[in-house]
Amino acid sequence: MKTIRFLAVPALVGLAVACATGSSSHGPTAPGGTASSSDDDGARLYRTRCASCHRLHDPHERSADDWRRVLERMAPRGHLDASEHEAVLAYLSANAKGAPGP
């Protein structure tokens, strides 16, 4: 019985964290006030994959070129496939320092 409680607590905490970061869109939106699906995918992947190892950086902290270099190094560590890599890069580039606003 103690083993079940011992395992249930981390599982419930993990579920709560996943729900808190899952579908809410706190990031930038596409013109017209709605987030695009590719932006949503890139933002979601950025929040889930990158935050699993370290704190997230605001996309505005770096230029698009800087983000490209960071992702070249970090995508393999985050186990991003090619389409996931492109989605995260598109999200970060669209919201990078110096990127045109909506």
C-alpha atoms as a PDB file:
ATOM      1  CA  MET A   1       0.000   0.000   0.000  1.00  0.00           C
ATOM      2  CA  LYS A   2       2.836   2.418   0.827  1.00  0.00           C
ATOM      3  CA  THR A   3       4.442   1.635  -2.526  1.00  0.00           C
ATOM      4  CA  ILE A   4       1.283   2.638  -4.383  1.00  0.00           C
ATOM      5  CA  ARG A   5       1.083   5.950  -2.508  1.00  0.00           C
ATOM      6  CA  PHE A   6       4.805   6.509  -3.058  1.00  0.00           C
ATOM      7  CA  LEU A   7       4.325   6.090  -6.825  1.00  0.00           C
ATOM      8  CA  ALA A   8       0.998   7.913  -7.025  1.00  0.00           C
ATOM      9  CA  VAL A   9       2.268  11.228  -5.656  1.00  0.00           C
ATOM     10  CA  PRO A  10       4.917  11.821  -8.376  1.00  0.00           C
ATOM     11  CA  ALA A  11       2.442  10.660 -11.027  1.00  0.00           C
ATOM     12  CA  LEU A  12      -0.175  13.152  -9.866  1.00  0.00           C
ATOM     13  CA  VAL A  13       2.384  15.958  -9.689  1.00  0.00           C
ATOM     14  CA  GLY A  14       3.531  15.122 -13.217  1.00  0.00           C
ATOM     15  CA  LEU A  15      -0.042  15.114 -14.456  1.00  0.00           C
ATOM     16  CA  ALA A  16      -0.711  18.493 -12.850  1.00  0.00           C
ATOM     17  CA  VAL A  17       2.396  19.981 -14.478  1.00  0.00           C
ATOM     18  CA  ALA A  18       1.470  18.522 -17.866  1.00  0.00           C
ATOM     19  CA  CYS A  19      -2.032  19.965 -17.626  1.00  0.00           C
ATOM     20  CA  ALA A  20      -0.700  23.354 -16.611  1.00  0.00           C
ATOM     21  CA  THR A  21       1.655  23.552 -19.600  1.00  0.00           C
ATOM     22  CA  GLY A  22      -0.371  21.584 -22.120  1.00  0.00           C
ATOM     23  CA  SER A  23      -2.873  23.463 -24.232  1.00  0.00           C
ATOM     24  CA  SER A  24      -2.928  27.011 -22.923  1.00  0.00           C
ATOM     25  CA  SER A  25      -1.422  29.475 -25.356  1.00  0.00           C
ATOM     26  CA  HIS A  26       0.478  32.154 -23.487  1.00  0.00           C
ATOM     27  CA  GLY A  27       2.745  32.922 -26.402  1.00  0.00           C
ATOM     28  CA  PRO A  28       2.408  35.323 -29.292  1.00  0.00           C
ATOM     29  CA  THR A  29      -0.514  34.952 -31.648  1.00  0.00           C
ATOM     30  CA  ALA A  30      -0.907  35.184 -35.374  1.00  0.00           C
ATOM     31  CA  PRO A  31      -2.424  38.289 -36.974  1.00  0.00           C
ATOM     32  CA  GLY A  32      -6.078  38.542 -36.079  1.00  0.00           C
ATOM     33  CA  GLY A  33      -5.529  37.421 -32.492  1.00  0.00           C
ATOM     34  CA  THR A  34      -5.521  33.633 -32.944  1.00  0.00           C
ATOM     35  CA  ALA A  35      -2.431  31.491 -32.701  1.00  0.00           C
ATOM     36  CA  SER A  36      -1.549  29.603 -35.860  1.00  0.00           C
ATOM     37  CA  SER A  37      -1.388  25.818 -35.608  1.00  0.00           C
ATOM     38  CA  SER A  38       2.314  25.711 -36.546  1.00  0.00           C
ATOM     39  CA  ASP A  39       3.023  28.377 -33.930  1.00  0.00           C
ATOM     40  CA  ASP A  40       1.034  26.312 -31.415  1.00  0.00           C
ATOM     41  CA  ASP A  41       2.999  23.166 -32.284  1.00  0.00           C
ATOM     42  CA  GLY A  42       6.341  24.943 -32.058  1.00  0.00           C
ATOM     43  CA  ALA A  43       5.400  26.661 -28.789  1.00  0.00           C
ATOM     44  CA  ARG A  44       4.105  23.398 -27.316  1.00  0.00           C
ATOM     45  CA  LEU A  45       7.238  21.508 -28.300  1.00  0.00           C
ATOM     46  CA  TYR A  46       9.427  24.297 -26.960  1.00  0.00           C
ATOM     47  CA  ARG A  47       7.590  24.255 -23.629  1.00  0.00           C
ATOM     48  CA  THR A  48       7.552  20.489 -23.241  1.00  0.00           C
ATOM     49  CA  ARG A  49      10.841  19.315 -24.712  1.00  0.00           C
ATOM     50  CA  CYS A  50      13.141  22.187 -23.795  1.00  0.00           C
ATOM     51  CA  ALA A  51      11.708  22.810 -20.334  1.00  0.00           C
ATOM     52  CA  SER A  52      12.186  19.169 -19.427  1.00  0.00           C
ATOM     53  CA  CYS A  53      15.915  19.893 -18.991  1.00  0.00           C
ATOM     54  CA  HIS A  54      16.269  23.605 -18.243  1.00  0.00           C
ATOM     55  CA  ARG A  55      14.419  26.903 -17.828  1.00  0.00           C
ATOM     56  CA  LEU A  56      12.845  28.345 -20.928  1.00  0.00           C
ATOM     57  CA  HIS A  57      14.229  31.501 -22.463  1.00  0.00           C
ATOM     58  CA  ASP A  58      11.926  34.189 -23.777  1.00  0.00           C
ATOM     59  CA  PRO A  59      12.077  33.947 -27.586  1.00  0.00           C
ATOM     60  CA  HIS A  60      12.742  37.725 -27.664  1.00  0.00           C
ATOM     61  CA  GLU A  61      16.058  37.179 -25.853  1.00  0.00           C
ATOM     62  CA  ARG A  62      17.797  36.022 -29.042  1.00  0.00           C
ATOM     63  CA  SER A  63      17.766  36.784 -32.732  1.00  0.00           C
ATOM     64  CA  ALA A  64      16.474  34.272 -35.275  1.00  0.00           C
ATOM     65  CA  ASP A  65      20.072  33.452 -36.282  1.00  0.00           C
ATOM     66  CA  ASP A  66      20.992  32.857 -32.636  1.00  0.00           C
ATOM     67  CA  TRP A  67      18.010  30.523 -32.212  1.00  0.00           C
ATOM     68  CA  ARG A  68      19.015  28.630 -35.357  1.00  0.00           C
ATOM     69  CA  ARG A  69      22.480  27.985 -33.888  1.00  0.00           C
ATOM     70  CA  VAL A  70      21.048  27.005 -30.490  1.00  0.00           C
ATOM     71  CA  LEU A  71      18.641  24.511 -32.078  1.00  0.00           C
ATOM     72  CA  GLU A  72      21.369  22.956 -34.224  1.00  0.00           C
ATOM     73  CA  ARG A  73      23.125  22.063 -30.990  1.00  0.00           C
ATOM     74  CA  MET A  74      20.113  21.303 -28.789  1.00  0.00           C
ATOM     75  CA  ALA A  75      17.607  19.544 -31.094  1.00  0.00           C
ATOM     76  CA  PRO A  76      19.431  16.189 -30.893  1.00  0.00           C
ATOM     77  CA  ARG A  77      19.505  16.458 -27.088  1.00  0.00           C
ATOM     78  CA  GLY A  78      15.755  17.138 -27.066  1.00  0.00           C
ATOM     79  CA  HIS A  79      15.158  14.204 -29.430  1.00  0.00           C
ATOM     80  CA  LEU A  80      13.428  16.463 -31.964  1.00  0.00           C
ATOM     81  CA  ASP A  81      12.823  14.920 -35.367  1.00  0.00           C
ATOM     82  CA  ALA A  82      13.145  17.102 -38.476  1.00  0.00           C
ATOM     83  CA  SER A  83       9.530  18.340 -38.470  1.00  0.00           C
ATOM     84  CA  GLU A  84       9.618  19.097 -34.739  1.00  0.00           C
ATOM     85  CA  HIS A  85      12.920  20.935 -35.174  1.00  0.00           C
ATOM     86  CA  GLU A  86      11.389  23.060 -37.937  1.00  0.00           C
ATOM     87  CA  ALA A  87       8.269  23.801 -35.866  1.00  0.00           C
ATOM     88  CA  VAL A  88      10.302  24.960 -32.858  1.00  0.00           C
ATOM     89  CA  LEU A  89      12.627  26.989 -35.074  1.00  0.00           C
ATOM     90  CA  ALA A  90       9.664  28.632 -36.825  1.00  0.00           C
ATOM     91  CA  TYR A  91       8.090  29.538 -33.474  1.00  0.00           C
ATOM     92  CA  LEU A  92      11.304  30.929 -32.011  1.00  0.00           C
ATOM     93  CA  SER A  93      12.231  32.790 -35.216  1.00  0.00           C
ATOM     94  CA  ALA A  94       8.789  34.366 -35.530  1.00  0.00           C
ATOM     95  CA  ASN A  95       9.064  35.632 -31.965  1.00  0.00           C
ATOM     96  CA  ALA A  96      12.793  36.385 -31.888  1.00  0.00           C
ATOM     97  CA  LYS A  97      14.472  39.691 -31.132  1.00  0.00           C
ATOM     98  CA  GLY A  98      14.038  41.948 -34.139  1.00  0.00           C
ATOM     99  CA  ALA A  99      11.263  39.853 -35.701  1.00  0.00           C
ATOM    100  CA  PRO A 100       8.424  41.902 -37.204  1.00  0.00           C
ATOM    101  CA  GLY A 101       5.360  42.092 -34.939  1.00  0.00           C
ATOM    102  CA  PRO A 102       1.810  41.075 -35.878  1.00  0.00           C
END
